Amino acid sequence: MRLAICLLSLLYGCVFTPPQILYQSDLTASSQQAKSEEERYVVEDGGGITYRLEGLRIKVEPMSDEALNGLFPEDSAKGRFSTNPYTYGDWVDPVLGYTPKRFTVFRVSVINDIYAKVLFDPLKPLLYTDRGDVLHSYGIPSFSPHQSFERYYRAIRGQSGNEFYRFDLRMGNVRSSAFLQDQMVFKGESYSGLLTFDPMDEEVKQARLVIEDFVLKFDASDQPLETIDIIFEFDQQIEKRKVSQAEAGAQ
């Protein structure tokens, strides 16, 4: 009986006590790209990178879980029932003692000043890591060629009405925030949205985001006439350390 009580105490302690691990994952513009002599790249103070052509800017900003939770505050404050599609919200993994990353997310912004129209296909980018990983971006519908939010959330959806409701909330949030396909950006306009990949391994130190076939010009039948590939370099830093209950409770 005493052993059972001790085991129950440990179990409930894991569930209800504050996390004992401080975990922070930061993705910022690579120090190498910051020193690059390539004048087309501008490293922003917040860790993002802007690629500049005359009359066109493509800005890529890594999104922290804190920033992503700020986009959907109500959806991120429901524990394990959080419906933020990009994070686990405020849920803490009782085994790990912290909230793990669900995805690697970037905000991509296209500002077009002089081109008739340009096009970024959010299904074409690839994320390469220094561990040899090659990650494909997420599309929204189930028929997306590589990764799919719909397939991802269907796979973990239960059969209750509440589960279907949470699935619909997540998918609605994705559709309202992701960088959508076939989104032409016309002269004098700008457009931004989120670009999502699987989470990178914690051992990854450097990552390269390659945007392939960004369309600058079209022919008379709207077929791509001129395209470019753009490379963005990032560094990843992971901080993970044990903290006291008082410090953890203040997080």
Protein backbone atom coordinates (compact mmCIF):
# COMPACT_ATOMS: atom_id res chain seq x y z
CA MET A 1 0.00 0.00 0.00
CA ARG A 2 2.80 2.42 0.90
CA LEU A 3 4.48 1.68 -2.45
CA ALA A 4 1.22 2.35 -4.29
CA ILE A 5 0.79 5.67 -2.48
CA CYS A 6 4.35 6.68 -3.37
CA LEU A 7 3.81 5.79 -7.01
CA LEU A 8 0.57 7.77 -7.10
CA SER A 9 2.32 10.71 -5.49
CA LEU A 10 5.01 10.62 -8.15
CA LEU A 11 2.40 10.35 -10.90
CA TYR A 12 0.33 13.26 -9.66
CA GLY A 13 3.49 15.24 -9.00
CA CYS A 14 4.42 14.88 -12.68
CA VAL A 15 0.99 16.00 -13.78
CA PHE A 16 0.35 18.96 -11.52
CA THR A 17 3.71 20.45 -10.55
CA PRO A 18 5.30 23.17 -12.73
CA PRO A 19 7.83 22.02 -15.33
CA GLN A 20 11.28 21.43 -13.95
CA ILE A 21 13.06 22.03 -17.27
CA LEU A 22 13.63 25.42 -18.87
CA TYR A 23 13.54 24.84 -22.63
CA GLN A 24 14.15 27.44 -25.30
CA SER A 25 14.74 26.93 -29.02
CA ASP A 26 16.02 29.89 -31.04
CA LEU A 27 16.45 30.05 -34.81
CA THR A 28 18.18 33.18 -36.07
CA ALA A 29 19.90 34.45 -39.19
CA SER A 30 23.22 32.69 -39.68
CA SER A 31 26.31 34.52 -38.54
CA GLN A 32 27.82 33.58 -41.91
CA GLN A 33 25.02 35.23 -43.84
CA ALA A 34 25.28 38.27 -41.59
CA LYS A 35 28.92 38.61 -42.71
CA SER A 36 28.12 37.90 -46.34
CA GLU A 37 29.38 40.35 -48.93
CA GLU A 38 26.25 39.66 -50.97
CA GLU A 39 24.47 43.01 -50.82
CA ARG A 40 21.13 41.45 -51.70
CA TYR A 41 20.82 40.03 -48.17
CA VAL A 42 19.92 42.16 -45.16
CA VAL A 43 19.94 40.55 -41.72
CA GLU A 44 17.22 42.00 -39.50
CA ASP A 45 17.60 42.72 -35.78
CA GLY A 46 14.88 40.21 -34.91
CA GLY A 47 16.73 37.31 -36.54
CA GLY A 48 15.04 37.44 -39.94
CA ILE A 49 16.63 37.86 -43.36
CA THR A 50 15.49 39.98 -46.30
CA TYR A 51 16.53 39.20 -49.87
CA ARG A 52 16.41 42.30 -52.08
CA LEU A 53 16.14 42.77 -55.80
CA GLU A 54 15.43 46.14 -57.33
CA GLY A 55 11.75 46.69 -56.64
CA LEU A 56 11.24 43.41 -54.76
CA ARG A 57 11.85 42.13 -51.23
CA ILE A 58 11.41 38.62 -49.84
CA LYS A 59 11.64 38.53 -46.06
CA VAL A 60 11.91 35.31 -44.03
CA GLU A 61 11.44 35.40 -40.25
CA PRO A 62 11.80 32.36 -37.97
CA MET A 63 8.77 32.13 -35.68
CA SER A 64 9.28 31.13 -32.05
CA ASP A 65 6.59 29.16 -30.24
CA GLU A 66 5.99 32.24 -28.09
CA ALA A 67 5.28 34.32 -31.21
CA LEU A 68 3.06 31.59 -32.66
CA ASN A 69 1.09 31.33 -29.43
CA GLY A 70 0.66 35.08 -29.58
CA LEU A 71 -1.10 34.72 -32.94
CA PHE A 72 -3.70 32.42 -31.39
CA PRO A 73 -3.78 33.25 -27.67
CA GLU A 74 -7.12 31.61 -26.86
CA ASP A 75 -6.25 28.49 -28.85
CA SER A 76 -2.92 28.22 -27.01
CA ALA A 77 -4.27 28.23 -23.45
CA LYS A 78 -6.17 24.94 -23.28
CA GLY A 79 -3.47 22.53 -22.13
CA ARG A 80 -3.50 19.29 -24.11
CA PHE A 81 -6.67 20.46 -25.86
CA SER A 82 -4.97 23.56 -27.30
CA THR A 83 -6.00 24.19 -30.91
CA ASN A 84 -3.05 26.28 -32.08
CA PRO A 85 -2.11 24.34 -35.23
CA TYR A 86 1.59 25.23 -35.03
CA THR A 87 2.42 24.54 -31.36
CA TYR A 88 1.32 22.50 -28.36
CA GLY A 89 0.07 25.69 -26.72
CA ASP A 90 0.66 25.77 -22.98
CA TRP A 91 0.65 21.97 -22.63
CA VAL A 92 3.74 20.59 -20.88
CA ASP A 93 4.91 17.08 -21.68
CA PRO A 94 4.90 15.36 -18.25
CA VAL A 95 7.76 13.06 -19.27
CA LEU A 96 10.03 15.74 -20.76
CA GLY A 97 9.10 18.43 -18.25
CA TYR A 98 8.74 21.10 -20.95
CA THR A 99 6.75 21.93 -24.08
CA PRO A 100 8.45 20.45 -27.18
CA LYS A 101 8.34 22.06 -30.59
CA ARG A 102 5.61 20.80 -32.88
CA PHE A 103 6.91 22.40 -36.10
CA THR A 104 9.58 24.68 -37.53
CA VAL A 105 7.78 27.76 -38.81
CA PHE A 106 8.82 30.82 -40.82
CA ARG A 107 6.86 33.89 -41.81
CA VAL A 108 7.48 34.69 -45.48
CA SER A 109 6.66 38.20 -46.72
CA VAL A 110 6.76 39.28 -50.37
CA ILE A 111 6.80 43.03 -51.11
CA ASN A 112 6.47 43.80 -54.81
CA ASP A 113 7.09 47.39 -55.91
CA ILE A 114 7.72 47.20 -59.67
CA TYR A 115 7.13 43.72 -61.13
CA ALA A 116 3.82 43.14 -62.90
CA LYS A 117 3.25 40.10 -60.70
CA VAL A 118 5.38 37.56 -58.84
CA LEU A 119 4.64 34.15 -57.38
CA PHE A 120 6.02 32.14 -54.47
CA ASP A 121 4.93 28.48 -54.36
CA PRO A 122 4.88 27.45 -50.65
CA LEU A 123 5.12 23.75 -51.56
CA LYS A 124 8.54 24.07 -53.25
CA PRO A 125 10.87 25.22 -50.43
CA LEU A 126 13.22 22.71 -48.83
CA LEU A 127 14.86 22.95 -45.41
CA TYR A 128 18.32 21.34 -45.21
CA THR A 129 20.13 20.73 -41.92
CA ASP A 130 23.77 20.11 -41.06
CA ARG A 131 22.77 16.58 -40.00
CA GLY A 132 21.76 15.68 -43.53
CA ASP A 133 17.99 16.08 -43.12
CA VAL A 134 15.91 17.36 -46.03
CA LEU A 135 12.49 18.62 -44.92
CA HIS A 136 9.56 19.40 -47.21
CA SER A 137 7.10 22.17 -46.42
CA TYR A 138 3.53 21.48 -45.34
CA GLY A 139 0.58 21.99 -47.62
CA ILE A 140 -2.94 22.31 -46.28
CA PRO A 141 -5.16 19.74 -48.08
CA SER A 142 -4.73 15.98 -47.85
CA PHE A 143 -3.61 15.74 -51.48
CA SER A 144 -0.55 17.95 -50.90
CA PRO A 145 2.46 16.17 -52.47
CA HIS A 146 4.72 15.90 -49.43
CA GLN A 147 3.47 16.98 -46.00
CA SER A 148 -0.11 17.96 -45.20
CA PHE A 149 -1.77 19.64 -42.22
CA GLU A 150 -5.00 17.81 -42.98
CA ARG A 151 -3.30 14.40 -42.95
CA TYR A 152 -1.29 15.31 -39.85
CA TYR A 153 -4.29 16.30 -37.76
CA ARG A 154 -6.54 13.55 -39.09
CA ALA A 155 -3.97 11.01 -37.91
CA ILE A 156 -4.19 12.21 -34.28
CA ARG A 157 -7.90 13.05 -34.28
CA GLY A 158 -10.15 10.98 -32.04
CA GLN A 159 -13.72 9.95 -32.83
CA SER A 160 -15.62 12.17 -30.39
CA GLY A 161 -17.53 15.27 -31.40
CA ASN A 162 -15.07 17.42 -29.44
CA GLU A 163 -12.17 15.94 -31.39
CA PHE A 164 -13.83 16.81 -34.71
CA TYR A 165 -14.53 20.31 -33.37
CA ARG A 166 -10.88 20.82 -32.42
CA PHE A 167 -9.79 19.49 -35.81
CA ASP A 168 -11.97 22.08 -37.54
CA LEU A 169 -10.58 24.86 -35.33
CA ARG A 170 -6.99 23.91 -36.15
CA MET A 171 -7.63 23.68 -39.87
CA GLY A 172 -9.44 27.03 -39.84
CA ASN A 173 -6.47 28.62 -38.08
CA VAL A 174 -4.08 27.15 -40.67
CA ARG A 175 -6.12 28.46 -43.59
CA SER A 176 -6.19 31.94 -42.08
CA SER A 177 -2.43 32.14 -41.47
CA ALA A 178 -0.48 29.93 -43.91
CA PHE A 179 1.12 31.25 -47.08
CA LEU A 180 -1.48 30.04 -49.58
CA GLN A 181 -0.83 28.48 -52.97
CA ASP A 182 -1.35 30.37 -56.24
CA GLN A 183 -1.18 33.70 -54.44
CA MET A 184 -0.03 36.21 -57.05
CA VAL A 185 1.52 39.37 -55.61
CA PHE A 186 0.85 42.20 -58.04
CA LYS A 187 2.75 45.45 -58.49
CA GLY A 188 2.37 47.72 -55.47
CA GLU A 189 1.11 44.90 -53.23
CA SER A 190 2.53 42.74 -50.46
CA TYR A 191 1.55 39.39 -49.01
CA SER A 192 2.75 37.30 -46.08
CA GLY A 193 1.97 33.94 -44.54
CA LEU A 194 3.47 31.09 -42.55
CA LEU A 195 5.67 28.36 -44.02
CA THR A 196 5.86 25.15 -41.98
CA PHE A 197 8.22 22.17 -41.73
CA ASP A 198 8.64 19.28 -39.33
CA PRO A 199 10.61 20.19 -36.19
CA MET A 200 14.36 20.04 -36.58
CA ASP A 201 16.43 17.70 -34.45
CA GLU A 202 17.80 19.33 -31.31
CA GLU A 203 21.32 18.46 -32.45
CA VAL A 204 20.98 20.65 -35.54
CA LYS A 205 23.22 23.71 -35.40
CA GLN A 206 22.76 25.13 -38.90
CA ALA A 207 19.91 25.04 -41.41
CA ARG A 208 19.46 26.24 -44.97
CA LEU A 209 16.08 27.25 -46.36
CA VAL A 210 16.01 27.06 -50.15
CA ILE A 211 13.18 28.80 -51.98
CA GLU A 212 13.07 27.27 -55.44
CA ASP A 213 11.55 28.71 -58.61
CA PHE A 214 10.35 32.05 -57.26
CA VAL A 215 8.64 33.49 -60.35
CA LEU A 216 9.62 37.01 -61.38
CA LYS A 217 8.03 37.15 -64.83
CA PHE A 218 5.31 35.34 -66.78
CA ASP A 219 4.69 34.95 -70.50
CA ALA A 220 1.45 35.82 -72.27
CA SER A 221 -0.12 32.50 -71.23
CA ASP A 222 0.84 32.99 -67.56
CA GLN A 223 3.62 30.40 -67.68
CA PRO A 224 6.81 31.20 -65.71
CA LEU A 225 9.29 33.06 -67.88
CA GLU A 226 11.95 34.04 -65.33
CA THR A 227 12.58 32.37 -61.96
CA ILE A 228 15.22 32.52 -59.24
CA ASP A 229 16.30 30.31 -56.34
CA ILE A 230 17.00 32.04 -53.02
CA ILE A 231 18.97 30.63 -50.08
CA PHE A 232 18.49 31.68 -46.46
CA GLU A 233 20.93 30.47 -43.77
CA PHE A 234 20.00 30.07 -40.10
CA ASP A 235 21.62 29.01 -36.82
CA GLN A 236 19.77 27.01 -34.18
CA GLN A 237 20.48 27.29 -30.47
CA ILE A 238 18.80 25.09 -27.86
CA GLU A 239 18.83 25.92 -24.16
CA LYS A 240 17.69 23.19 -21.83
CA ARG A 241 18.43 23.18 -18.11
CA LYS A 242 16.90 22.13 -14.83
CA VAL A 243 15.32 24.84 -12.71
CA SER A 244 13.95 25.07 -9.20
CA GLN A 245 10.21 24.82 -8.54
CA ALA A 246 10.09 28.52 -7.70
CA GLU A 247 11.85 29.46 -10.93
CA ALA A 248 9.72 27.06 -12.95
CA GLY A 249 6.54 28.43 -11.44
CA ALA A 250 7.55 31.92 -12.52
CA GLN A 251 7.84 30.90 -16.18
